[in-house]
Amino acid sequence: MKPAPQFLPPRQSVVYLHTNLMLHATGTNQRSFGMVVAENYLRMVSEEDREERGFRITHGSSADAAADKKHNGQILGRYLSGDLRTLPANLEDAWVMSLPEPHRSNCERDLARRRGMLAVAMPAPEGLQVASVATLMGNYANLVHALAPAIEDGRFGPEDLPYRRAIEAAGRDVIAAVIGIGHELDRGIYGELPSA
C-alpha cells in the first residue's frame, strides 16, 4: 500500500498562522496591523501592480485616517478568515515584512522550510559586519537554552519530543548565522559577494 501523499499547507496559511500568533502575543489589533501592512504594501508595490480595492492610505483629515484604518483592518480580516482565498505574492512580501520580530523571522524560517531551504539574512551594510558575529552568539545562546531541558538527564529520548521543534528552529538559526558570517567574510576579503 502506498503511503498517503503529504501535502504542504498553502504559503498563506503559514503567514496567517504567524500573524495570528503575533496578534495574540502582542495584543495588536487587526486594524493597527492592517495599517502597517498597507504602508509597506504601498511603499513596496508599484501602483500598476496593486490589487483593486486593496489597502489604502489617504493623506488628509483624521476622519480619513480612521476610515483607512477600518478599511485596511477589514481587508486584513477577510484574508485571515478565508473570505479572500488567495494571498497575492506581492502582498505576501509586504505582509511578512510587516511582522515584528521574532514573528517575522519565524515566518520566514517556516516559509523557507516548506521547500527544504534555509532562510539566511542578507549581509549587513558596510561597517556593521560585527553585528553578524553578535547575531551568531545570540543564536548560539538560544540553541543552548533550547537544548537545556532536553539534555538535563544526560541523554535524548522520547520524552524530549516537546523540545524538538524549538531545538531545530534554534539550530537552523545558528546555521543561518554561520552562513551569513561567510557572506560577510567574502565581502570583506573580495569587496563584494561572489556570484553563486
N, C-alpha and C. Protein backbone atom coordinates (compact mmCIF):
# COMPACT_ATOMS: atom_id res chain seq x y z
N MET A 1 0.84 -1.18 0.00
CA MET A 1 0.00 0.00 0.00
C MET A 1 0.89 1.25 0.00
N LYS A 2 0.58 2.16 -0.90
CA LYS A 2 1.35 3.40 -0.99
C LYS A 2 0.97 4.33 0.15
N PRO A 3 1.97 5.01 0.71
CA PRO A 3 1.63 5.98 1.76
C PRO A 3 0.82 7.13 1.17
N ALA A 4 -0.04 7.68 1.97
CA ALA A 4 -0.85 8.82 1.54
C ALA A 4 0.06 10.00 1.26
N PRO A 5 -0.24 10.79 0.22
CA PRO A 5 0.61 11.95 -0.08
C PRO A 5 0.58 12.95 1.07
N GLN A 6 1.71 13.57 1.29
CA GLN A 6 1.83 14.60 2.32
C GLN A 6 1.81 15.96 1.64
N PHE A 7 0.72 16.67 1.77
CA PHE A 7 0.58 17.97 1.13
C PHE A 7 1.09 19.06 2.06
N LEU A 8 1.76 20.04 1.48
CA LEU A 8 2.20 21.20 2.23
C LEU A 8 1.02 22.14 2.44
N PRO A 9 0.98 22.81 3.59
CA PRO A 9 -0.07 23.83 3.74
C PRO A 9 0.23 24.97 2.78
N PRO A 10 -0.78 25.67 2.30
CA PRO A 10 -0.53 26.82 1.43
C PRO A 10 0.36 27.83 2.14
N ARG A 11 1.15 28.55 1.35
CA ARG A 11 2.05 29.57 1.92
C ARG A 11 1.27 30.55 2.79
N GLN A 12 0.09 30.93 2.32
CA GLN A 12 -0.68 31.91 3.07
C GLN A 12 -1.09 31.39 4.44
N SER A 13 -1.28 30.07 4.58
CA SER A 13 -1.61 29.50 5.88
C SER A 13 -0.47 29.73 6.87
N VAL A 14 0.76 29.61 6.38
CA VAL A 14 1.93 29.86 7.23
C VAL A 14 1.96 31.33 7.66
N VAL A 15 1.71 32.23 6.72
CA VAL A 15 1.71 33.66 7.02
C VAL A 15 0.60 33.98 8.03
N TYR A 16 -0.58 33.43 7.82
CA TYR A 16 -1.70 33.71 8.71
C TYR A 16 -1.46 33.13 10.10
N LEU A 17 -0.85 31.95 10.18
CA LEU A 17 -0.53 31.36 11.48
C LEU A 17 0.37 32.30 12.28
N HIS A 18 1.44 32.78 11.66
CA HIS A 18 2.36 33.65 12.38
C HIS A 18 1.73 35.01 12.66
N THR A 19 0.84 35.46 11.80
CA THR A 19 0.13 36.72 12.06
C THR A 19 -0.75 36.57 13.28
N ASN A 20 -1.51 35.47 13.34
CA ASN A 20 -2.39 35.26 14.49
C ASN A 20 -1.60 35.08 15.78
N LEU A 21 -0.46 34.40 15.71
CA LEU A 21 0.40 34.26 16.89
C LEU A 21 0.89 35.64 17.35
N MET A 22 1.28 36.48 16.39
CA MET A 22 1.74 37.83 16.72
C MET A 22 0.62 38.66 17.33
N LEU A 23 -0.57 38.61 16.71
CA LEU A 23 -1.69 39.40 17.23
C LEU A 23 -2.01 38.99 18.67
N HIS A 24 -1.99 37.68 18.92
CA HIS A 24 -2.29 37.17 20.26
C HIS A 24 -1.19 37.54 21.26
N ALA A 25 0.08 37.37 20.84
CA ALA A 25 1.21 37.60 21.75
C ALA A 25 1.40 39.07 22.09
N THR A 26 1.15 39.95 21.13
CA THR A 26 1.44 41.37 21.34
C THR A 26 0.21 42.19 21.73
N GLY A 27 -0.97 41.64 21.51
CA GLY A 27 -2.18 42.41 21.78
C GLY A 27 -2.48 43.44 20.71
N THR A 28 -1.75 43.37 19.60
CA THR A 28 -2.01 44.26 18.47
C THR A 28 -3.36 43.87 17.86
N ASN A 29 -4.12 44.85 17.37
CA ASN A 29 -5.39 44.51 16.73
C ASN A 29 -5.24 44.49 15.22
N GLN A 30 -6.22 43.93 14.54
CA GLN A 30 -6.16 43.80 13.08
C GLN A 30 -6.10 45.15 12.39
N ARG A 31 -6.76 46.14 12.93
CA ARG A 31 -6.76 47.46 12.29
C ARG A 31 -5.36 48.08 12.32
N SER A 32 -4.71 48.01 13.47
CA SER A 32 -3.36 48.59 13.57
C SER A 32 -2.38 47.84 12.68
N PHE A 33 -2.45 46.51 12.70
CA PHE A 33 -1.54 45.74 11.87
C PHE A 33 -1.88 45.95 10.39
N GLY A 34 -3.16 46.09 10.08
CA GLY A 34 -3.58 46.37 8.70
C GLY A 34 -2.96 47.65 8.17
N MET A 35 -2.81 48.66 9.02
CA MET A 35 -2.18 49.91 8.60
C MET A 35 -0.69 49.71 8.31
N VAL A 36 -0.02 48.90 9.13
CA VAL A 36 1.41 48.63 8.90
C VAL A 36 1.58 47.89 7.58
N VAL A 37 0.73 46.87 7.34
CA VAL A 37 0.79 46.13 6.08
C VAL A 37 0.52 47.08 4.91
N ALA A 38 -0.49 47.93 5.06
CA ALA A 38 -0.83 48.89 3.99
C ALA A 38 0.34 49.80 3.67
N GLU A 39 1.00 50.33 4.70
CA GLU A 39 2.15 51.22 4.47
C GLU A 39 3.25 50.49 3.70
N ASN A 40 3.58 49.27 4.12
CA ASN A 40 4.62 48.51 3.43
C ASN A 40 4.20 48.14 2.02
N TYR A 41 2.95 47.73 1.85
CA TYR A 41 2.44 47.34 0.54
C TYR A 41 2.50 48.51 -0.44
N LEU A 42 2.03 49.66 -0.02
CA LEU A 42 2.01 50.84 -0.90
C LEU A 42 3.43 51.33 -1.18
N ARG A 43 4.35 51.12 -0.24
CA ARG A 43 5.75 51.52 -0.44
C ARG A 43 6.48 50.55 -1.36
N MET A 44 6.15 49.26 -1.28
CA MET A 44 6.91 48.23 -1.99
C MET A 44 6.37 47.87 -3.37
N VAL A 45 5.08 48.09 -3.60
CA VAL A 45 4.43 47.62 -4.83
C VAL A 45 4.01 48.81 -5.69
N SER A 46 4.42 48.78 -6.96
CA SER A 46 4.07 49.89 -7.86
C SER A 46 2.55 49.95 -8.05
N GLU A 47 2.08 51.12 -8.38
CA GLU A 47 0.64 51.35 -8.49
C GLU A 47 -0.03 50.40 -9.48
N GLU A 48 0.62 50.15 -10.62
CA GLU A 48 0.00 49.29 -11.64
C GLU A 48 -0.04 47.81 -11.21
N ASP A 49 0.75 47.43 -10.21
CA ASP A 49 0.76 46.03 -9.76
C ASP A 49 -0.09 45.79 -8.52
N ARG A 50 -0.74 46.81 -8.02
CA ARG A 50 -1.55 46.67 -6.80
C ARG A 50 -2.90 46.06 -7.10
N GLU A 51 -3.45 45.42 -6.09
CA GLU A 51 -4.78 44.81 -6.19
C GLU A 51 -5.85 45.91 -6.22
N GLU A 52 -6.90 45.66 -6.99
CA GLU A 52 -8.04 46.58 -6.99
C GLU A 52 -8.73 46.49 -5.64
N ARG A 53 -9.27 47.58 -5.19
CA ARG A 53 -9.96 47.65 -3.90
C ARG A 53 -9.10 47.08 -2.78
N GLY A 54 -7.81 47.42 -2.83
CA GLY A 54 -6.87 46.91 -1.84
C GLY A 54 -6.65 47.89 -0.71
N PHE A 55 -5.52 47.72 -0.08
CA PHE A 55 -5.15 48.60 1.03
C PHE A 55 -5.01 50.03 0.54
N ARG A 56 -5.27 50.97 1.46
CA ARG A 56 -5.16 52.38 1.08
C ARG A 56 -4.71 53.20 2.29
N ILE A 57 -4.07 54.29 1.97
CA ILE A 57 -3.73 55.30 2.98
C ILE A 57 -4.02 56.64 2.34
N THR A 58 -5.00 57.34 2.91
CA THR A 58 -5.40 58.65 2.41
C THR A 58 -4.71 59.70 3.27
N HIS A 59 -4.05 60.63 2.64
CA HIS A 59 -3.42 61.71 3.40
C HIS A 59 -4.40 62.86 3.46
N GLY A 60 -4.98 63.02 4.61
CA GLY A 60 -5.98 64.07 4.77
C GLY A 60 -6.33 64.23 6.23
N SER A 61 -7.62 64.32 6.49
CA SER A 61 -8.09 64.57 7.85
C SER A 61 -7.97 63.31 8.72
N SER A 62 -8.18 63.51 10.01
CA SER A 62 -8.14 62.37 10.92
C SER A 62 -9.32 61.43 10.65
N ALA A 63 -10.41 61.97 10.10
CA ALA A 63 -11.54 61.11 9.73
C ALA A 63 -11.14 60.18 8.59
N ASP A 64 -10.34 60.69 7.63
CA ASP A 64 -9.84 59.85 6.54
C ASP A 64 -8.92 58.76 7.10
N ALA A 65 -8.07 59.12 8.05
CA ALA A 65 -7.15 58.15 8.65
C ALA A 65 -7.92 57.07 9.39
N ALA A 66 -8.97 57.45 10.11
CA ALA A 66 -9.78 56.46 10.83
C ALA A 66 -10.51 55.53 9.85
N ALA A 67 -11.01 56.11 8.74
CA ALA A 67 -11.68 55.30 7.73
C ALA A 67 -10.69 54.34 7.07
N ASP A 68 -9.46 54.81 6.82
CA ASP A 68 -8.43 53.94 6.24
C ASP A 68 -8.08 52.81 7.19
N LYS A 69 -7.96 53.13 8.47
CA LYS A 69 -7.61 52.11 9.47
C LYS A 69 -8.70 51.03 9.51
N LYS A 70 -9.95 51.46 9.48
CA LYS A 70 -11.06 50.49 9.48
C LYS A 70 -11.04 49.67 8.19
N HIS A 71 -10.86 50.33 7.05
CA HIS A 71 -10.84 49.66 5.74
C HIS A 71 -9.71 48.64 5.68
N ASN A 72 -8.50 49.04 6.06
CA ASN A 72 -7.35 48.14 5.99
C ASN A 72 -7.48 46.99 6.98
N GLY A 73 -8.04 47.26 8.15
CA GLY A 73 -8.30 46.18 9.12
C GLY A 73 -9.30 45.17 8.59
N GLN A 74 -10.33 45.66 7.87
CA GLN A 74 -11.32 44.74 7.29
C GLN A 74 -10.70 43.87 6.19
N ILE A 75 -9.85 44.44 5.37
CA ILE A 75 -9.18 43.65 4.33
C ILE A 75 -8.32 42.58 4.97
N LEU A 76 -7.53 42.97 5.97
CA LEU A 76 -6.69 42.01 6.67
C LEU A 76 -7.54 40.90 7.27
N GLY A 77 -8.64 41.27 7.88
CA GLY A 77 -9.55 40.29 8.47
C GLY A 77 -10.15 39.34 7.45
N ARG A 78 -10.46 39.83 6.25
CA ARG A 78 -11.01 38.96 5.20
C ARG A 78 -9.99 37.94 4.74
N TYR A 79 -8.71 38.33 4.68
CA TYR A 79 -7.67 37.35 4.35
C TYR A 79 -7.55 36.32 5.46
N LEU A 80 -7.49 36.78 6.71
CA LEU A 80 -7.30 35.86 7.83
C LEU A 80 -8.48 34.90 8.00
N SER A 81 -9.69 35.35 7.68
CA SER A 81 -10.87 34.49 7.83
C SER A 81 -11.07 33.55 6.65
N GLY A 82 -10.36 33.78 5.55
CA GLY A 82 -10.51 32.94 4.37
C GLY A 82 -11.52 33.46 3.37
N ASP A 83 -12.15 34.60 3.65
CA ASP A 83 -13.09 35.18 2.68
C ASP A 83 -12.38 35.55 1.39
N LEU A 84 -11.15 36.07 1.51
CA LEU A 84 -10.30 36.28 0.35
C LEU A 84 -9.35 35.09 0.31
N ARG A 85 -9.52 34.23 -0.67
CA ARG A 85 -8.90 32.90 -0.64
C ARG A 85 -7.43 32.87 -1.02
N THR A 86 -6.96 33.80 -1.83
CA THR A 86 -5.58 33.75 -2.29
C THR A 86 -4.85 35.02 -1.90
N LEU A 87 -3.71 34.86 -1.24
CA LEU A 87 -2.87 35.99 -0.87
C LEU A 87 -1.89 36.24 -2.00
N PRO A 88 -2.01 37.38 -2.72
CA PRO A 88 -1.09 37.66 -3.83
C PRO A 88 0.36 37.71 -3.34
N ALA A 89 1.28 37.30 -4.18
CA ALA A 89 2.70 37.21 -3.80
C ALA A 89 3.25 38.56 -3.36
N ASN A 90 2.90 39.64 -4.08
CA ASN A 90 3.46 40.93 -3.69
C ASN A 90 2.88 41.43 -2.37
N LEU A 91 1.66 41.02 -2.05
CA LEU A 91 1.09 41.37 -0.76
C LEU A 91 1.72 40.50 0.33
N GLU A 92 2.02 39.24 0.00
CA GLU A 92 2.68 38.36 0.98
C GLU A 92 4.01 38.97 1.42
N ASP A 93 4.77 39.48 0.47
CA ASP A 93 6.06 40.09 0.81
C ASP A 93 5.88 41.24 1.79
N ALA A 94 4.97 42.14 1.49
CA ALA A 94 4.73 43.29 2.38
C ALA A 94 4.21 42.83 3.73
N TRP A 95 3.35 41.82 3.72
CA TRP A 95 2.75 41.31 4.95
C TRP A 95 3.82 40.74 5.87
N VAL A 96 4.67 39.87 5.32
CA VAL A 96 5.71 39.24 6.13
C VAL A 96 6.69 40.30 6.64
N MET A 97 7.04 41.26 5.79
CA MET A 97 7.95 42.33 6.21
C MET A 97 7.33 43.19 7.33
N SER A 98 6.02 43.16 7.46
CA SER A 98 5.33 43.96 8.47
C SER A 98 5.31 43.28 9.84
N LEU A 99 5.53 41.98 9.87
CA LEU A 99 5.52 41.28 11.16
C LEU A 99 6.70 41.73 12.01
N PRO A 100 6.46 42.02 13.28
CA PRO A 100 7.59 42.39 14.15
C PRO A 100 8.38 41.13 14.52
N GLU A 101 9.62 41.33 14.92
CA GLU A 101 10.45 40.21 15.38
C GLU A 101 9.93 39.72 16.72
N PRO A 102 10.01 38.47 17.05
CA PRO A 102 10.61 37.37 16.31
C PRO A 102 9.65 36.70 15.34
N HIS A 103 8.43 37.23 15.22
CA HIS A 103 7.41 36.59 14.38
C HIS A 103 7.80 36.60 12.91
N ARG A 104 8.45 37.67 12.49
CA ARG A 104 8.89 37.74 11.09
C ARG A 104 9.92 36.66 10.79
N SER A 105 10.93 36.53 11.62
CA SER A 105 11.96 35.51 11.41
C SER A 105 11.37 34.10 11.45
N ASN A 106 10.46 33.88 12.38
CA ASN A 106 9.82 32.56 12.48
C ASN A 106 9.02 32.25 11.22
N CYS A 107 8.32 33.25 10.71
CA CYS A 107 7.54 33.07 9.48
C CYS A 107 8.46 32.82 8.30
N GLU A 108 9.51 33.62 8.17
CA GLU A 108 10.48 33.43 7.07
C GLU A 108 11.08 32.03 7.14
N ARG A 109 11.41 31.58 8.34
CA ARG A 109 12.01 30.26 8.52
C ARG A 109 11.03 29.17 8.05
N ASP A 110 9.77 29.28 8.46
CA ASP A 110 8.79 28.26 8.09
C ASP A 110 8.47 28.29 6.60
N LEU A 111 8.46 29.48 5.99
CA LEU A 111 8.23 29.56 4.55
C LEU A 111 9.38 28.91 3.79
N ALA A 112 10.61 29.16 4.23
CA ALA A 112 11.77 28.56 3.57
C ALA A 112 11.78 27.05 3.77
N ARG A 113 11.43 26.60 4.96
CA ARG A 113 11.46 25.17 5.28
C ARG A 113 10.48 24.38 4.40
N ARG A 114 9.40 24.99 3.97
CA ARG A 114 8.43 24.30 3.11
C ARG A 114 9.10 23.74 1.86
N ARG A 115 10.15 24.42 1.39
CA ARG A 115 10.84 24.00 0.17
C ARG A 115 12.21 23.41 0.47
N GLY A 116 12.45 23.08 1.74
CA GLY A 116 13.72 22.49 2.12
C GLY A 116 14.87 23.47 2.09
N MET A 117 14.57 24.75 2.25
CA MET A 117 15.59 25.79 2.20
C MET A 117 15.81 26.35 3.60
N LEU A 118 16.84 27.14 3.71
CA LEU A 118 17.19 27.79 4.96
C LEU A 118 17.10 29.29 4.74
N ALA A 119 16.39 29.99 5.59
CA ALA A 119 16.28 31.45 5.47
C ALA A 119 17.54 32.08 6.05
N VAL A 120 18.32 32.75 5.21
CA VAL A 120 19.56 33.40 5.64
C VAL A 120 19.43 34.89 5.34
N ALA A 121 19.71 35.71 6.36
CA ALA A 121 19.62 37.16 6.18
C ALA A 121 20.69 37.64 5.22
N MET A 122 20.38 38.71 4.50
CA MET A 122 21.35 39.35 3.61
C MET A 122 22.48 39.93 4.45
N PRO A 123 23.66 40.10 3.86
CA PRO A 123 24.77 40.69 4.60
C PRO A 123 24.43 42.07 5.13
N ALA A 124 25.01 42.38 6.28
CA ALA A 124 24.78 43.67 6.91
C ALA A 124 25.42 44.77 6.08
N PRO A 125 24.91 46.00 6.19
CA PRO A 125 25.54 47.12 5.48
C PRO A 125 26.99 47.28 5.91
N GLU A 126 27.76 47.93 5.04
CA GLU A 126 29.18 48.16 5.32
C GLU A 126 29.34 48.78 6.70
N GLY A 127 30.28 48.28 7.46
CA GLY A 127 30.53 48.81 8.80
C GLY A 127 29.76 48.11 9.90
N LEU A 128 28.83 47.22 9.53
CA LEU A 128 28.05 46.51 10.55
C LEU A 128 28.35 45.02 10.56
N GLN A 129 29.50 44.63 10.03
CA GLN A 129 29.81 43.20 9.97
C GLN A 129 29.88 42.56 11.34
N VAL A 130 30.30 43.30 12.35
CA VAL A 130 30.38 42.75 13.70
C VAL A 130 29.00 42.33 14.19
N ALA A 131 27.97 42.96 13.66
CA ALA A 131 26.61 42.59 14.05
C ALA A 131 26.33 41.13 13.69
N SER A 132 26.93 40.63 12.62
CA SER A 132 26.74 39.23 12.24
C SER A 132 27.31 38.30 13.30
N VAL A 133 28.44 38.67 13.88
CA VAL A 133 29.03 37.86 14.95
C VAL A 133 28.14 37.90 16.18
N ALA A 134 27.62 39.07 16.49
CA ALA A 134 26.70 39.19 17.63
C ALA A 134 25.45 38.34 17.41
N THR A 135 24.94 38.33 16.18
CA THR A 135 23.78 37.51 15.85
C THR A 135 24.10 36.03 16.06
N LEU A 136 25.27 35.61 15.60
CA LEU A 136 25.68 34.21 15.79
C LEU A 136 25.73 33.87 17.27
N MET A 137 26.34 34.72 18.07
CA MET A 137 26.45 34.43 19.51
C MET A 137 25.06 34.37 20.16
N GLY A 138 24.21 35.30 19.80
CA GLY A 138 22.85 35.30 20.35
C GLY A 138 22.09 34.05 19.94
N ASN A 139 22.23 33.65 18.66
CA ASN A 139 21.55 32.45 18.19
C ASN A 139 22.09 31.20 18.86
N TYR A 140 23.41 31.17 19.10
CA TYR A 140 24.01 30.03 19.78
C TYR A 140 23.48 29.95 21.22
N ALA A 141 23.36 31.10 21.88
CA ALA A 141 22.80 31.12 23.23
C ALA A 141 21.36 30.60 23.22
N ASN A 142 20.60 30.96 22.20
CA ASN A 142 19.23 30.46 22.09
C ASN A 142 19.20 28.95 21.89
N LEU A 143 20.16 28.42 21.12
CA LEU A 143 20.25 26.97 20.92
C LEU A 143 20.56 26.27 22.24
N VAL A 144 21.53 26.78 22.98
CA VAL A 144 21.88 26.18 24.28
C VAL A 144 20.66 26.21 25.21
N HIS A 145 19.96 27.33 25.21
CA HIS A 145 18.75 27.46 26.04
C HIS A 145 17.68 26.43 25.63
N ALA A 146 17.50 26.24 24.31
CA ALA A 146 16.51 25.27 23.82
C ALA A 146 16.93 23.84 24.15
N LEU A 147 18.24 23.57 24.11
CA LEU A 147 18.75 22.23 24.39
C LEU A 147 18.69 21.87 25.87
N ALA A 148 18.79 22.85 26.75
CA ALA A 148 18.94 22.61 28.18
C ALA A 148 17.93 21.62 28.77
N PRO A 149 16.63 21.80 28.53
CA PRO A 149 15.70 20.85 29.16
C PRO A 149 15.80 19.44 28.57
N ALA A 150 16.23 19.34 27.32
CA ALA A 150 16.32 18.02 26.68
C ALA A 150 17.54 17.25 27.15
N ILE A 151 18.62 17.94 27.50
CA ILE A 151 19.83 17.24 27.90
C ILE A 151 20.03 17.22 29.41
N GLU A 152 19.05 17.69 30.12
CA GLU A 152 19.13 17.75 31.58
C GLU A 152 19.39 16.38 32.19
N ASP A 153 18.82 15.33 31.60
CA ASP A 153 19.01 13.97 32.13
C ASP A 153 20.21 13.27 31.49
N GLY A 154 20.95 13.96 30.65
CA GLY A 154 22.17 13.41 30.06
C GLY A 154 21.97 12.59 28.79
N ARG A 155 20.77 12.57 28.24
CA ARG A 155 20.54 11.81 27.01
C ARG A 155 19.28 12.34 26.32
N PHE A 156 19.17 12.00 25.03
CA PHE A 156 17.95 12.30 24.28
C PHE A 156 17.05 11.08 24.29
N GLY A 157 15.77 11.29 24.41
CA GLY A 157 14.82 10.18 24.39
C GLY A 157 13.44 10.67 23.99
N PRO A 158 12.46 9.76 23.95
CA PRO A 158 11.10 10.13 23.54
C PRO A 158 10.50 11.24 24.39
N GLU A 159 10.95 11.35 25.61
CA GLU A 159 10.42 12.39 26.50
C GLU A 159 10.85 13.80 26.07
N ASP A 160 11.80 13.88 25.13
CA ASP A 160 12.29 15.18 24.65
C ASP A 160 11.51 15.71 23.45
N LEU A 161 10.48 14.98 23.01
CA LEU A 161 9.67 15.41 21.87
C LEU A 161 9.14 16.85 22.02
N PRO A 162 8.69 17.27 23.22
CA PRO A 162 8.18 18.65 23.33
C PRO A 162 9.23 19.73 23.03
N TYR A 163 10.52 19.37 23.11
CA TYR A 163 11.58 20.36 22.90
C TYR A 163 12.12 20.35 21.48
N ARG A 164 11.73 19.35 20.69
CA ARG A 164 12.31 19.12 19.37
C ARG A 164 12.18 20.33 18.45
N ARG A 165 10.99 20.88 18.33
CA ARG A 165 10.76 21.99 17.40
C ARG A 165 11.62 23.20 17.76
N ALA A 166 11.69 23.53 19.05
CA ALA A 166 12.48 24.69 19.47
C ALA A 166 13.97 24.45 19.22
N ILE A 167 14.44 23.22 19.45
CA ILE A 167 15.85 22.91 19.21
C ILE A 167 16.17 23.00 17.72
N GLU A 168 15.31 22.45 16.89
CA GLU A 168 15.54 22.52 15.45
C GLU A 168 15.54 23.96 14.94
N ALA A 169 14.58 24.75 15.40
CA ALA A 169 14.50 26.15 14.96
C ALA A 169 15.74 26.92 15.40
N ALA A 170 16.17 26.73 16.63
CA ALA A 170 17.36 27.43 17.12
C ALA A 170 18.61 26.95 16.37
N GLY A 171 18.67 25.67 16.06
CA GLY A 171 19.81 25.13 15.30
C GLY A 171 19.87 25.72 13.90
N ARG A 172 18.72 25.84 13.24
CA ARG A 172 18.69 26.44 11.90
C ARG A 172 19.12 27.91 11.95
N ASP A 173 18.75 28.60 13.04
CA ASP A 173 19.18 29.99 13.18
C ASP A 173 20.70 30.09 13.31
N VAL A 174 21.31 29.15 14.02
CA VAL A 174 22.78 29.14 14.15
C VAL A 174 23.41 28.89 12.79
N ILE A 175 22.88 27.90 12.06
CA ILE A 175 23.41 27.59 10.72
C ILE A 175 23.29 28.81 9.81
N ALA A 176 22.14 29.47 9.84
CA ALA A 176 21.93 30.66 9.00
C ALA A 176 22.90 31.77 9.39
N ALA A 177 23.16 31.93 10.68
CA ALA A 177 24.10 32.97 11.12
C ALA A 177 25.52 32.66 10.65
N VAL A 178 25.92 31.38 10.69
CA VAL A 178 27.24 31.00 10.21
C VAL A 178 27.36 31.29 8.71
N ILE A 179 26.33 30.97 7.95
CA ILE A 179 26.34 31.26 6.51
C ILE A 179 26.41 32.77 6.29
N GLY A 180 25.69 33.53 7.10
CA GLY A 180 25.74 34.99 6.99
C GLY A 180 27.13 35.53 7.26
N ILE A 181 27.82 34.97 8.24
CA ILE A 181 29.20 35.40 8.51
C ILE A 181 30.09 35.06 7.32
N GLY A 182 29.86 33.91 6.69
CA GLY A 182 30.62 33.56 5.49
C GLY A 182 30.45 34.59 4.39
N HIS A 183 29.22 35.07 4.21
CA HIS A 183 28.97 36.12 3.21
C HIS A 183 29.70 37.41 3.59
N GLU A 184 29.66 37.74 4.89
CA GLU A 184 30.35 38.95 5.34
C GLU A 184 31.86 38.82 5.12
N LEU A 185 32.40 37.65 5.43
CA LEU A 185 33.83 37.41 5.24
C LEU A 185 34.21 37.55 3.76
N ASP A 186 33.41 36.95 2.88
CA ASP A 186 33.67 37.06 1.44
C ASP A 186 33.65 38.52 1.00
N ARG A 187 32.67 39.27 1.49
CA ARG A 187 32.59 40.69 1.09
C ARG A 187 33.79 41.46 1.62
N GLY A 188 34.22 41.14 2.84
CA GLY A 188 35.37 41.82 3.41
C GLY A 188 36.66 41.49 2.67
N ILE A 189 36.79 40.24 2.24
CA ILE A 189 38.01 39.82 1.54
C ILE A 189 37.99 40.25 0.08
N TYR A 190 36.88 39.98 -0.61
CA TYR A 190 36.82 40.20 -2.05
C TYR A 190 36.19 41.53 -2.46
N GLY A 191 35.59 42.22 -1.51
CA GLY A 191 34.99 43.51 -1.82
C GLY A 191 33.55 43.42 -2.29
N GLU A 192 33.09 42.24 -2.60
CA GLU A 192 31.70 42.03 -2.98
C GLU A 192 31.40 40.55 -2.82
N LEU A 193 30.13 40.21 -2.83
CA LEU A 193 29.76 38.82 -2.69
C LEU A 193 30.03 38.08 -3.98
N PRO A 194 30.67 36.90 -3.90
CA PRO A 194 30.88 36.14 -5.13
C PRO A 194 29.55 35.66 -5.67
N SER A 195 29.44 35.55 -7.00
CA SER A 195 28.20 35.07 -7.59
C SER A 195 28.05 33.60 -7.32
N ALA A 196 26.80 33.16 -7.20
CA ALA A 196 26.52 31.76 -6.86
C ALA A 196 26.78 30.86 -8.04
